[in-house]
Amino acid sequence: MTALLGALLAAGVLLCASPWLWPPRPEEEKAKRRGVVVRMLEEAGFGSVRPRALLAIAALVALGAASVVWLVTAIPILAALAGATAAVAPVVFLRSRRLRLRKLRRQLWPDVCDLLIASIRVGLSLPDAVASLGETSPTMMRPAFIVFALDLRATGRFETSLDRLKSSLADPIADRIVETLRMARQVGGTELVGVLRALSSSVRADAALRGEVEARQSWIRGAAVLGSVAPWVILGLLVLRPEGAAAYGTPEGVVVICLGAAVSVIAYRIMIRIGRLPEPGRWFG
């Protein structure tokens, strides 16, 4: 018994130390980062855009913003901060667009489930019921289901077409629906309509609750944006004057600007963290 406990303790210590003993290789880290960027592009509706294009856009935007600020103020630290902020802007845009699309789709998924239930109850097969959503589903979701129907017609492989549909929709609720359909196709049974109806009710209740909470907490995001932007607007007005530019061009002024940038970022992140609701993960993505 003592030997078994000792072996378990040694195994636990080895597992805890494994990230430092066997760190991931640079190729694995690069592939992981690339996968995160690809998933973010897919969930934002830009699945056809390559990660390199996103990096190129960020670099061009950063260079343009830094050049404009440098020409206006002639203060290097402000130009560097403007370039860094502009480089992050495309990622912020993609994240906000992803959240906006999820909110819009969250209101529509119950209708998709109801359409699937109606198609199945009138006697359509499961592949035909999913393909029919290309004509009956809400407008913003039709392209994905049209591509699914074309792919199914070309290959005749339902599960492969489902995988491509899931990648195209890139949504946690879509993943649950697709995996439910896959299980119904593989296992069979008569519970599919009941499962879809329960999923529709759950998604509808979750969307209503989230909408109410987000409406009450929207002031937190507004306060965070206002509190972060207002000091920099004032700073921009000050450095447009020669004496202001001379004051902030000194080493002391550079220190003040850097400290202000750090405080603004930390305060903004804290406020957003307070007002953010946890988003469902793509466990089947």
C-alpha atoms as a PDB file:
ATOM      1  CA  MET A   1       0.000   0.000   0.000  1.00  0.00           C
ATOM      2  CA  THR A   2       2.850   2.397   0.863  1.00  0.00           C
ATOM      3  CA  ALA A   3       4.543   1.654  -2.454  1.00  0.00           C
ATOM      4  CA  LEU A   4       1.300   2.364  -4.329  1.00  0.00           C
ATOM      5  CA  LEU A   5       0.835   5.722  -2.581  1.00  0.00           C
ATOM      6  CA  GLY A   6       4.448   6.612  -3.287  1.00  0.00           C
ATOM      7  CA  ALA A   7       4.024   5.759  -6.965  1.00  0.00           C
ATOM      8  CA  LEU A   8       0.843   7.861  -7.184  1.00  0.00           C
ATOM      9  CA  LEU A   9       2.591  10.806  -5.491  1.00  0.00           C
ATOM     10  CA  ALA A  10       5.564  10.525  -7.846  1.00  0.00           C
ATOM     11  CA  ALA A  11       3.242  10.378 -10.864  1.00  0.00           C
ATOM     12  CA  GLY A  12       1.381  13.483  -9.651  1.00  0.00           C
ATOM     13  CA  VAL A  13       4.599  15.424  -9.152  1.00  0.00           C
ATOM     14  CA  LEU A  14       5.832  14.347 -12.588  1.00  0.00           C
ATOM     15  CA  LEU A  15       2.595  15.468 -14.243  1.00  0.00           C
ATOM     16  CA  CYS A  16       2.727  18.839 -12.468  1.00  0.00           C
ATOM     17  CA  ALA A  17       6.316  19.380 -13.623  1.00  0.00           C
ATOM     18  CA  SER A  18       5.757  18.091 -17.178  1.00  0.00           C
ATOM     19  CA  PRO A  19       5.154  21.568 -18.746  1.00  0.00           C
ATOM     20  CA  TRP A  20       8.660  22.577 -17.652  1.00  0.00           C
ATOM     21  CA  LEU A  21      10.345  19.210 -18.219  1.00  0.00           C
ATOM     22  CA  TRP A  22       8.875  18.724 -21.708  1.00  0.00           C
ATOM     23  CA  PRO A  23       7.885  22.151 -23.039  1.00  0.00           C
ATOM     24  CA  PRO A  24       5.961  22.261 -26.337  1.00  0.00           C
ATOM     25  CA  ARG A  25       8.043  22.598 -29.434  1.00  0.00           C
ATOM     26  CA  PRO A  26       8.004  25.873 -31.400  1.00  0.00           C
ATOM     27  CA  GLU A  27       6.157  24.153 -34.259  1.00  0.00           C
ATOM     28  CA  GLU A  28       3.402  23.016 -31.902  1.00  0.00           C
ATOM     29  CA  GLU A  29       3.046  26.478 -30.358  1.00  0.00           C
ATOM     30  CA  LYS A  30       2.898  28.057 -33.804  1.00  0.00           C
ATOM     31  CA  ALA A  31       0.235  25.595 -34.946  1.00  0.00           C
ATOM     32  CA  LYS A  32      -1.786  26.241 -31.783  1.00  0.00           C
ATOM     33  CA  ARG A  33      -1.678  30.015 -32.266  1.00  0.00           C
ATOM     34  CA  ARG A  34      -2.616  29.591 -35.917  1.00  0.00           C
ATOM     35  CA  GLY A  35      -5.581  27.436 -34.894  1.00  0.00           C
ATOM     36  CA  VAL A  36      -6.802  30.126 -32.493  1.00  0.00           C
ATOM     37  CA  VAL A  37      -6.595  32.783 -35.217  1.00  0.00           C
ATOM     38  CA  VAL A  38      -8.359  30.564 -37.763  1.00  0.00           C
ATOM     39  CA  ARG A  39     -11.173  29.795 -35.326  1.00  0.00           C
ATOM     40  CA  MET A  40     -11.572  33.490 -34.500  1.00  0.00           C
ATOM     41  CA  LEU A  41     -11.837  34.332 -38.204  1.00  0.00           C
ATOM     42  CA  GLU A  42     -14.392  31.570 -38.761  1.00  0.00           C
ATOM     43  CA  GLU A  43     -16.544  32.629 -35.823  1.00  0.00           C
ATOM     44  CA  ALA A  44     -16.458  36.243 -37.021  1.00  0.00           C
ATOM     45  CA  GLY A  45     -17.694  35.232 -40.473  1.00  0.00           C
ATOM     46  CA  PHE A  46     -14.369  35.598 -42.293  1.00  0.00           C
ATOM     47  CA  GLY A  47     -13.458  31.955 -42.702  1.00  0.00           C
ATOM     48  CA  SER A  48     -11.997  32.577 -46.172  1.00  0.00           C
ATOM     49  CA  VAL A  49      -9.471  35.110 -44.843  1.00  0.00           C
ATOM     50  CA  ARG A  50      -6.020  33.714 -44.092  1.00  0.00           C
ATOM     51  CA  PRO A  51      -4.168  34.506 -40.850  1.00  0.00           C
ATOM     52  CA  ARG A  52      -1.364  36.112 -42.858  1.00  0.00           C
ATOM     53  CA  ALA A  53      -3.857  38.566 -44.342  1.00  0.00           C
ATOM     54  CA  LEU A  54      -4.993  39.512 -40.837  1.00  0.00           C
ATOM     55  CA  LEU A  55      -1.386  40.130 -39.788  1.00  0.00           C
ATOM     56  CA  ALA A  56      -0.779  42.232 -42.892  1.00  0.00           C
ATOM     57  CA  ILE A  57      -3.883  44.329 -42.220  1.00  0.00           C
ATOM     58  CA  ALA A  58      -2.850  44.858 -38.586  1.00  0.00           C
ATOM     59  CA  ALA A  59       0.643  45.945 -39.674  1.00  0.00           C
ATOM     60  CA  LEU A  60      -0.705  48.395 -42.273  1.00  0.00           C
ATOM     61  CA  VAL A  61      -3.211  49.905 -39.849  1.00  0.00           C
ATOM     62  CA  ALA A  62      -0.546  50.252 -37.156  1.00  0.00           C
ATOM     63  CA  LEU A  63       1.886  51.898 -39.576  1.00  0.00           C
ATOM     64  CA  GLY A  64      -0.767  54.336 -40.799  1.00  0.00           C
ATOM     65  CA  ALA A  65      -1.892  55.318 -37.295  1.00  0.00           C
ATOM     66  CA  ALA A  66       1.681  55.755 -36.052  1.00  0.00           C
ATOM     67  CA  SER A  67       2.555  57.885 -39.088  1.00  0.00           C
ATOM     68  CA  VAL A  68      -0.456  60.182 -38.621  1.00  0.00           C
ATOM     69  CA  VAL A  69       0.197  60.702 -34.910  1.00  0.00           C
ATOM     70  CA  TRP A  70       3.896  61.315 -35.572  1.00  0.00           C
ATOM     71  CA  LEU A  71       3.121  63.952 -38.217  1.00  0.00           C
ATOM     72  CA  VAL A  72       0.591  65.707 -35.978  1.00  0.00           C
ATOM     73  CA  THR A  73       2.398  65.614 -32.619  1.00  0.00           C
ATOM     74  CA  ALA A  74       6.052  64.726 -33.367  1.00  0.00           C
ATOM     75  CA  ILE A  75       6.121  62.783 -30.060  1.00  0.00           C
ATOM     76  CA  PRO A  76       7.632  59.277 -30.564  1.00  0.00           C
ATOM     77  CA  ILE A  77       5.957  57.642 -27.565  1.00  0.00           C
ATOM     78  CA  LEU A  78       2.494  58.755 -28.701  1.00  0.00           C
ATOM     79  CA  ALA A  79       3.208  57.450 -32.196  1.00  0.00           C
ATOM     80  CA  ALA A  80       4.312  54.100 -30.758  1.00  0.00           C
ATOM     81  CA  LEU A  81       1.199  53.846 -28.557  1.00  0.00           C
ATOM     82  CA  ALA A  82      -1.037  54.765 -31.483  1.00  0.00           C
ATOM     83  CA  GLY A  83       0.605  52.079 -33.614  1.00  0.00           C
ATOM     84  CA  ALA A  84       0.220  49.447 -30.891  1.00  0.00           C
ATOM     85  CA  THR A  85      -3.441  50.357 -30.349  1.00  0.00           C
ATOM     86  CA  ALA A  86      -4.158  50.285 -34.072  1.00  0.00           C
ATOM     87  CA  ALA A  87      -2.449  46.891 -34.410  1.00  0.00           C
ATOM     88  CA  VAL A  88      -4.855  45.441 -31.842  1.00  0.00           C
ATOM     89  CA  ALA A  89      -7.888  47.093 -33.471  1.00  0.00           C
ATOM     90  CA  PRO A  90      -8.510  44.312 -36.085  1.00  0.00           C
ATOM     91  CA  VAL A  91      -8.539  41.662 -33.347  1.00  0.00           C
ATOM     92  CA  VAL A  92     -10.944  43.756 -31.256  1.00  0.00           C
ATOM     93  CA  PHE A  93     -13.160  44.174 -34.319  1.00  0.00           C
ATOM     94  CA  LEU A  94     -13.189  40.423 -34.977  1.00  0.00           C
ATOM     95  CA  ARG A  95     -14.075  39.649 -31.361  1.00  0.00           C
ATOM     96  CA  SER A  96     -16.870  42.200 -31.262  1.00  0.00           C
ATOM     97  CA  ARG A  97     -18.236  40.937 -34.571  1.00  0.00           C
ATOM     98  CA  ARG A  98     -18.087  37.358 -33.273  1.00  0.00           C
ATOM     99  CA  LEU A  99     -20.067  38.308 -30.177  1.00  0.00           C
ATOM    100  CA  ARG A 100     -22.574  40.257 -32.253  1.00  0.00           C
ATOM    101  CA  LEU A 101     -23.118  37.327 -34.619  1.00  0.00           C
ATOM    102  CA  ARG A 102     -23.551  34.969 -31.673  1.00  0.00           C
ATOM    103  CA  LYS A 103     -26.182  37.250 -30.178  1.00  0.00           C
ATOM    104  CA  LEU A 104     -28.075  37.438 -33.450  1.00  0.00           C
ATOM    105  CA  ARG A 105     -27.869  33.699 -34.050  1.00  0.00           C
ATOM    106  CA  ARG A 106     -28.853  32.913 -30.471  1.00  0.00           C
ATOM    107  CA  GLN A 107     -32.254  34.437 -31.216  1.00  0.00           C
ATOM    108  CA  LEU A 108     -32.623  32.375 -34.411  1.00  0.00           C
ATOM    109  CA  TRP A 109     -31.543  28.877 -33.343  1.00  0.00           C
ATOM    110  CA  PRO A 110     -34.915  28.029 -31.730  1.00  0.00           C
ATOM    111  CA  ASP A 111     -36.599  28.763 -35.071  1.00  0.00           C
ATOM    112  CA  VAL A 112     -34.089  26.481 -36.826  1.00  0.00           C
ATOM    113  CA  CYS A 113     -34.907  23.685 -34.367  1.00  0.00           C
ATOM    114  CA  ASP A 114     -38.635  24.217 -34.950  1.00  0.00           C
ATOM    115  CA  LEU A 115     -38.120  24.035 -38.725  1.00  0.00           C
ATOM    116  CA  LEU A 116     -36.142  20.810 -38.342  1.00  0.00           C
ATOM    117  CA  ILE A 117     -38.891  19.327 -36.174  1.00  0.00           C
ATOM    118  CA  ALA A 118     -41.554  20.288 -38.723  1.00  0.00           C
ATOM    119  CA  SER A 119     -39.554  18.773 -41.608  1.00  0.00           C
ATOM    120  CA  ILE A 120     -38.972  15.512 -39.730  1.00  0.00           C
ATOM    121  CA  ARG A 121     -42.599  15.212 -38.671  1.00  0.00           C
ATOM    122  CA  VAL A 122     -43.846  15.547 -42.263  1.00  0.00           C
ATOM    123  CA  GLY A 123     -41.726  12.546 -43.228  1.00  0.00           C
ATOM    124  CA  LEU A 124     -38.500  13.972 -44.666  1.00  0.00           C
ATOM    125  CA  SER A 125     -35.322  12.041 -44.049  1.00  0.00           C
ATOM    126  CA  LEU A 126     -32.728  13.603 -41.785  1.00  0.00           C
ATOM    127  CA  PRO A 127     -30.353  14.714 -44.616  1.00  0.00           C
ATOM    128  CA  ASP A 128     -33.250  16.183 -46.605  1.00  0.00           C
ATOM    129  CA  ALA A 129     -34.587  17.957 -43.517  1.00  0.00           C
ATOM    130  CA  VAL A 130     -31.229  19.640 -42.909  1.00  0.00           C
ATOM    131  CA  ALA A 131     -30.808  20.473 -46.605  1.00  0.00           C
ATOM    132  CA  SER A 132     -34.271  22.064 -46.713  1.00  0.00           C
ATOM    133  CA  LEU A 133     -33.074  24.686 -44.237  1.00  0.00           C
ATOM    134  CA  GLY A 134     -31.266  26.311 -47.159  1.00  0.00           C
ATOM    135  CA  GLU A 135     -34.696  27.543 -48.279  1.00  0.00           C
ATOM    136  CA  THR A 136     -36.637  27.896 -45.018  1.00  0.00           C
ATOM    137  CA  SER A 137     -34.089  28.980 -42.404  1.00  0.00           C
ATOM    138  CA  PRO A 138     -33.481  32.645 -41.434  1.00  0.00           C
ATOM    139  CA  THR A 139     -31.682  34.684 -44.064  1.00  0.00           C
ATOM    140  CA  MET A 140     -28.327  35.024 -42.296  1.00  0.00           C
ATOM    141  CA  MET A 141     -28.039  31.239 -41.913  1.00  0.00           C
ATOM    142  CA  ARG A 142     -29.138  30.165 -45.378  1.00  0.00           C
ATOM    143  CA  PRO A 143     -25.711  30.316 -47.090  1.00  0.00           C
ATOM    144  CA  ALA A 144     -24.270  27.686 -44.729  1.00  0.00           C
ATOM    145  CA  PHE A 145     -27.186  25.309 -45.271  1.00  0.00           C
ATOM    146  CA  ILE A 146     -27.128  25.894 -49.045  1.00  0.00           C
ATOM    147  CA  VAL A 147     -23.461  24.886 -49.077  1.00  0.00           C
ATOM    148  CA  PHE A 148     -24.388  21.837 -46.988  1.00  0.00           C
ATOM    149  CA  ALA A 149     -27.064  20.821 -49.493  1.00  0.00           C
ATOM    150  CA  LEU A 150     -24.674  21.202 -52.437  1.00  0.00           C
ATOM    151  CA  ASP A 151     -21.946  19.267 -50.646  1.00  0.00           C
ATOM    152  CA  LEU A 152     -24.366  16.500 -49.697  1.00  0.00           C
ATOM    153  CA  ARG A 153     -25.610  16.276 -53.257  1.00  0.00           C
ATOM    154  CA  ALA A 154     -22.045  16.080 -54.583  1.00  0.00           C
ATOM    155  CA  THR A 155     -20.601  13.573 -52.109  1.00  0.00           C
ATOM    156  CA  GLY A 156     -23.575  11.778 -50.570  1.00  0.00           C
ATOM    157  CA  ARG A 157     -21.710  11.662 -47.222  1.00  0.00           C
ATOM    158  CA  PHE A 158     -23.935  13.055 -44.503  1.00  0.00           C
ATOM    159  CA  GLU A 159     -21.361  13.109 -41.687  1.00  0.00           C
ATOM    160  CA  THR A 160     -18.671  14.790 -43.784  1.00  0.00           C
ATOM    161  CA  SER A 161     -21.168  17.424 -44.863  1.00  0.00           C
ATOM    162  CA  LEU A 162     -22.145  17.915 -41.216  1.00  0.00           C
ATOM    163  CA  ASP A 163     -18.499  18.561 -40.318  1.00  0.00           C
ATOM    164  CA  ARG A 164     -18.250  21.240 -42.984  1.00  0.00           C
ATOM    165  CA  LEU A 165     -21.559  22.734 -41.869  1.00  0.00           C
ATOM    166  CA  LYS A 166     -20.308  22.923 -38.284  1.00  0.00           C
ATOM    167  CA  SER A 167     -17.104  24.619 -39.422  1.00  0.00           C
ATOM    168  CA  SER A 168     -19.071  27.080 -41.537  1.00  0.00           C
ATOM    169  CA  LEU A 169     -21.513  28.027 -38.787  1.00  0.00           C
ATOM    170  CA  ALA A 170     -18.812  28.133 -36.064  1.00  0.00           C
ATOM    171  CA  ASP A 171     -21.294  28.501 -33.217  1.00  0.00           C
ATOM    172  CA  PRO A 172     -21.617  26.607 -29.893  1.00  0.00           C
ATOM    173  CA  ILE A 173     -25.357  26.033 -30.312  1.00  0.00           C
ATOM    174  CA  ALA A 174     -24.827  24.887 -33.898  1.00  0.00           C
ATOM    175  CA  ASP A 175     -22.265  22.370 -32.614  1.00  0.00           C
ATOM    176  CA  ARG A 176     -24.859  20.928 -30.212  1.00  0.00           C
ATOM    177  CA  ILE A 177     -27.483  20.675 -32.943  1.00  0.00           C
ATOM    178  CA  VAL A 178     -25.052  19.083 -35.412  1.00  0.00           C
ATOM    179  CA  GLU A 179     -23.850  16.517 -32.882  1.00  0.00           C
ATOM    180  CA  THR A 180     -27.471  15.701 -31.978  1.00  0.00           C
ATOM    181  CA  LEU A 181     -28.225  15.085 -35.647  1.00  0.00           C
ATOM    182  CA  ARG A 182     -25.081  12.992 -36.031  1.00  0.00           C
ATOM    183  CA  MET A 183     -26.011  10.809 -33.062  1.00  0.00           C
ATOM    184  CA  ALA A 184     -29.565  10.402 -34.357  1.00  0.00           C
ATOM    185  CA  ARG A 185     -28.175   9.336 -37.736  1.00  0.00           C
ATOM    186  CA  GLN A 186     -25.756   6.810 -36.242  1.00  0.00           C
ATOM    187  CA  VAL A 187     -27.879   5.369 -33.445  1.00  0.00           C
ATOM    188  CA  GLY A 188     -31.406   5.975 -34.665  1.00  0.00           C
ATOM    189  CA  GLY A 189     -34.412   6.111 -32.385  1.00  0.00           C
ATOM    190  CA  THR A 190     -37.547   8.178 -32.020  1.00  0.00           C
ATOM    191  CA  GLU A 191     -36.324  10.752 -29.494  1.00  0.00           C
ATOM    192  CA  LEU A 192     -34.857  13.231 -31.978  1.00  0.00           C
ATOM    193  CA  VAL A 193     -37.968  15.431 -32.062  1.00  0.00           C
ATOM    194  CA  GLY A 194     -38.125  15.550 -28.266  1.00  0.00           C
ATOM    195  CA  VAL A 195     -34.423  16.350 -27.970  1.00  0.00           C
ATOM    196  CA  LEU A 196     -34.668  19.152 -30.543  1.00  0.00           C
ATOM    197  CA  ARG A 197     -37.743  20.554 -28.833  1.00  0.00           C
ATOM    198  CA  ALA A 198     -35.968  20.536 -25.447  1.00  0.00           C
ATOM    199  CA  LEU A 199     -32.887  22.143 -27.020  1.00  0.00           C
ATOM    200  CA  SER A 200     -35.069  24.834 -28.604  1.00  0.00           C
ATOM    201  CA  SER A 201     -36.724  25.645 -25.279  1.00  0.00           C
ATOM    202  CA  SER A 202     -33.363  25.764 -23.499  1.00  0.00           C
ATOM    203  CA  VAL A 203     -31.795  28.079 -26.085  1.00  0.00           C
ATOM    204  CA  ARG A 204     -34.842  30.367 -26.093  1.00  0.00           C
ATOM    205  CA  ALA A 205     -34.805  30.677 -22.285  1.00  0.00           C
ATOM    206  CA  ASP A 206     -31.034  31.261 -22.234  1.00  0.00           C
ATOM    207  CA  ALA A 207     -31.319  33.974 -24.919  1.00  0.00           C
ATOM    208  CA  ALA A 208     -34.074  35.765 -23.004  1.00  0.00           C
ATOM    209  CA  LEU A 209     -32.091  35.695 -19.751  1.00  0.00           C
ATOM    210  CA  ARG A 210     -28.872  36.846 -21.402  1.00  0.00           C
ATOM    211  CA  GLY A 211     -30.665  39.684 -23.179  1.00  0.00           C
ATOM    212  CA  GLU A 212     -32.086  40.962 -19.906  1.00  0.00           C
ATOM    213  CA  VAL A 213     -28.747  40.774 -18.073  1.00  0.00           C
ATOM    214  CA  GLU A 214     -26.815  42.404 -20.936  1.00  0.00           C
ATOM    215  CA  ALA A 215     -29.331  45.250 -21.098  1.00  0.00           C
ATOM    216  CA  ARG A 216     -28.807  45.942 -17.388  1.00  0.00           C
ATOM    217  CA  GLN A 217     -25.020  45.708 -17.582  1.00  0.00           C
ATOM    218  CA  SER A 218     -24.528  47.707 -20.787  1.00  0.00           C
ATOM    219  CA  TRP A 219     -23.665  50.814 -18.738  1.00  0.00           C
ATOM    220  CA  ILE A 220     -20.532  49.066 -17.457  1.00  0.00           C
ATOM    221  CA  ARG A 221     -19.100  48.750 -20.946  1.00  0.00           C
ATOM    222  CA  GLY A 222     -20.062  52.319 -21.776  1.00  0.00           C
ATOM    223  CA  ALA A 223     -18.393  53.599 -18.615  1.00  0.00           C
ATOM    224  CA  ALA A 224     -15.247  51.572 -19.383  1.00  0.00           C
ATOM    225  CA  VAL A 225     -14.978  52.973 -22.906  1.00  0.00           C
ATOM    226  CA  LEU A 226     -15.654  56.540 -21.768  1.00  0.00           C
ATOM    227  CA  GLY A 227     -13.193  56.321 -18.882  1.00  0.00           C
ATOM    228  CA  SER A 228     -10.463  54.944 -21.168  1.00  0.00           C
ATOM    229  CA  VAL A 229     -10.934  57.300 -24.111  1.00  0.00           C
ATOM    230  CA  ALA A 230     -11.608  60.619 -22.367  1.00  0.00           C
ATOM    231  CA  PRO A 231      -8.071  61.161 -20.931  1.00  0.00           C
ATOM    232  CA  TRP A 232      -6.490  60.501 -24.319  1.00  0.00           C
ATOM    233  CA  VAL A 233      -8.806  62.943 -26.043  1.00  0.00           C
ATOM    234  CA  ILE A 234      -7.707  65.592 -23.553  1.00  0.00           C
ATOM    235  CA  LEU A 235      -4.060  64.605 -24.070  1.00  0.00           C
ATOM    236  CA  GLY A 236      -4.498  64.914 -27.825  1.00  0.00           C
ATOM    237  CA  LEU A 237      -5.883  68.429 -27.435  1.00  0.00           C
ATOM    238  CA  LEU A 238      -2.985  69.377 -25.156  1.00  0.00           C
ATOM    239  CA  VAL A 239      -0.199  68.140 -27.425  1.00  0.00           C
ATOM    240  CA  LEU A 240      -1.624  70.092 -30.355  1.00  0.00           C
ATOM    241  CA  ARG A 241      -0.324  73.205 -28.620  1.00  0.00           C
ATOM    242  CA  PRO A 242       3.444  73.846 -28.832  1.00  0.00           C
ATOM    243  CA  GLU A 243       3.936  74.148 -25.069  1.00  0.00           C
ATOM    244  CA  GLY A 244       2.000  70.927 -24.479  1.00  0.00           C
ATOM    245  CA  ALA A 245       4.026  69.057 -27.083  1.00  0.00           C
ATOM    246  CA  ALA A 246       7.244  70.339 -25.531  1.00  0.00           C
ATOM    247  CA  ALA A 247       6.142  69.264 -22.033  1.00  0.00           C
ATOM    248  CA  TYR A 248       5.126  65.750 -23.034  1.00  0.00           C
ATOM    249  CA  GLY A 249       8.214  65.340 -25.191  1.00  0.00           C
ATOM    250  CA  THR A 250      10.467  65.414 -22.140  1.00  0.00           C
ATOM    251  CA  PRO A 251      11.513  62.212 -20.286  1.00  0.00           C
ATOM    252  CA  GLU A 252       9.084  63.071 -17.470  1.00  0.00           C
ATOM    253  CA  GLY A 253       6.267  63.475 -19.980  1.00  0.00           C
ATOM    254  CA  VAL A 254       7.109  60.116 -21.552  1.00  0.00           C
ATOM    255  CA  VAL A 255       6.899  58.483 -18.109  1.00  0.00           C
ATOM    256  CA  VAL A 256       3.508  60.110 -17.490  1.00  0.00           C
ATOM    257  CA  ILE A 257       2.195  58.895 -20.854  1.00  0.00           C
ATOM    258  CA  CYS A 258       3.424  55.338 -20.286  1.00  0.00           C
ATOM    259  CA  LEU A 259       1.921  55.206 -16.791  1.00  0.00           C
ATOM    260  CA  GLY A 260      -1.346  56.601 -18.110  1.00  0.00           C
ATOM    261  CA  ALA A 261      -1.455  53.975 -20.859  1.00  0.00           C
ATOM    262  CA  ALA A 262      -0.837  51.178 -18.363  1.00  0.00           C
ATOM    263  CA  VAL A 263      -3.534  52.468 -15.996  1.00  0.00           C
ATOM    264  CA  SER A 264      -6.013  52.877 -18.854  1.00  0.00           C
ATOM    265  CA  VAL A 265      -5.483  49.324 -20.104  1.00  0.00           C
ATOM    266  CA  ILE A 266      -5.698  47.781 -16.626  1.00  0.00           C
ATOM    267  CA  ALA A 267      -8.795  49.775 -15.655  1.00  0.00           C
ATOM    268  CA  TYR A 268     -10.513  48.961 -18.948  1.00  0.00           C
ATOM    269  CA  ARG A 269      -9.812  45.257 -18.602  1.00  0.00           C
ATOM    270  CA  ILE A 270     -11.126  45.239 -15.018  1.00  0.00           C
ATOM    271  CA  MET A 271     -14.349  47.014 -15.996  1.00  0.00           C
ATOM    272  CA  ILE A 272     -14.925  44.712 -18.964  1.00  0.00           C
ATOM    273  CA  ARG A 273     -14.226  41.672 -16.802  1.00  0.00           C
ATOM    274  CA  ILE A 274     -16.811  42.859 -14.270  1.00  0.00           C
ATOM    275  CA  GLY A 275     -19.504  43.364 -16.894  1.00  0.00           C
ATOM    276  CA  ARG A 276     -18.795  40.345 -19.090  1.00  0.00           C
ATOM    277  CA  LEU A 277     -21.033  37.308 -19.146  1.00  0.00           C
ATOM    278  CA  PRO A 278     -19.370  33.917 -19.667  1.00  0.00           C
ATOM    279  CA  GLU A 279     -19.787  32.761 -23.250  1.00  0.00           C
ATOM    280  CA  PRO A 280     -20.521  29.084 -23.930  1.00  0.00           C
ATOM    281  CA  GLY A 281     -17.503  27.220 -25.260  1.00  0.00           C
ATOM    282  CA  ARG A 282     -17.406  25.165 -28.430  1.00  0.00           C
ATOM    283  CA  TRP A 283     -16.997  21.825 -26.727  1.00  0.00           C
ATOM    284  CA  PHE A 284     -17.801  19.976 -29.972  1.00  0.00           C
ATOM    285  CA  GLY A 285     -15.988  22.450 -32.277  1.00  0.00           C
END
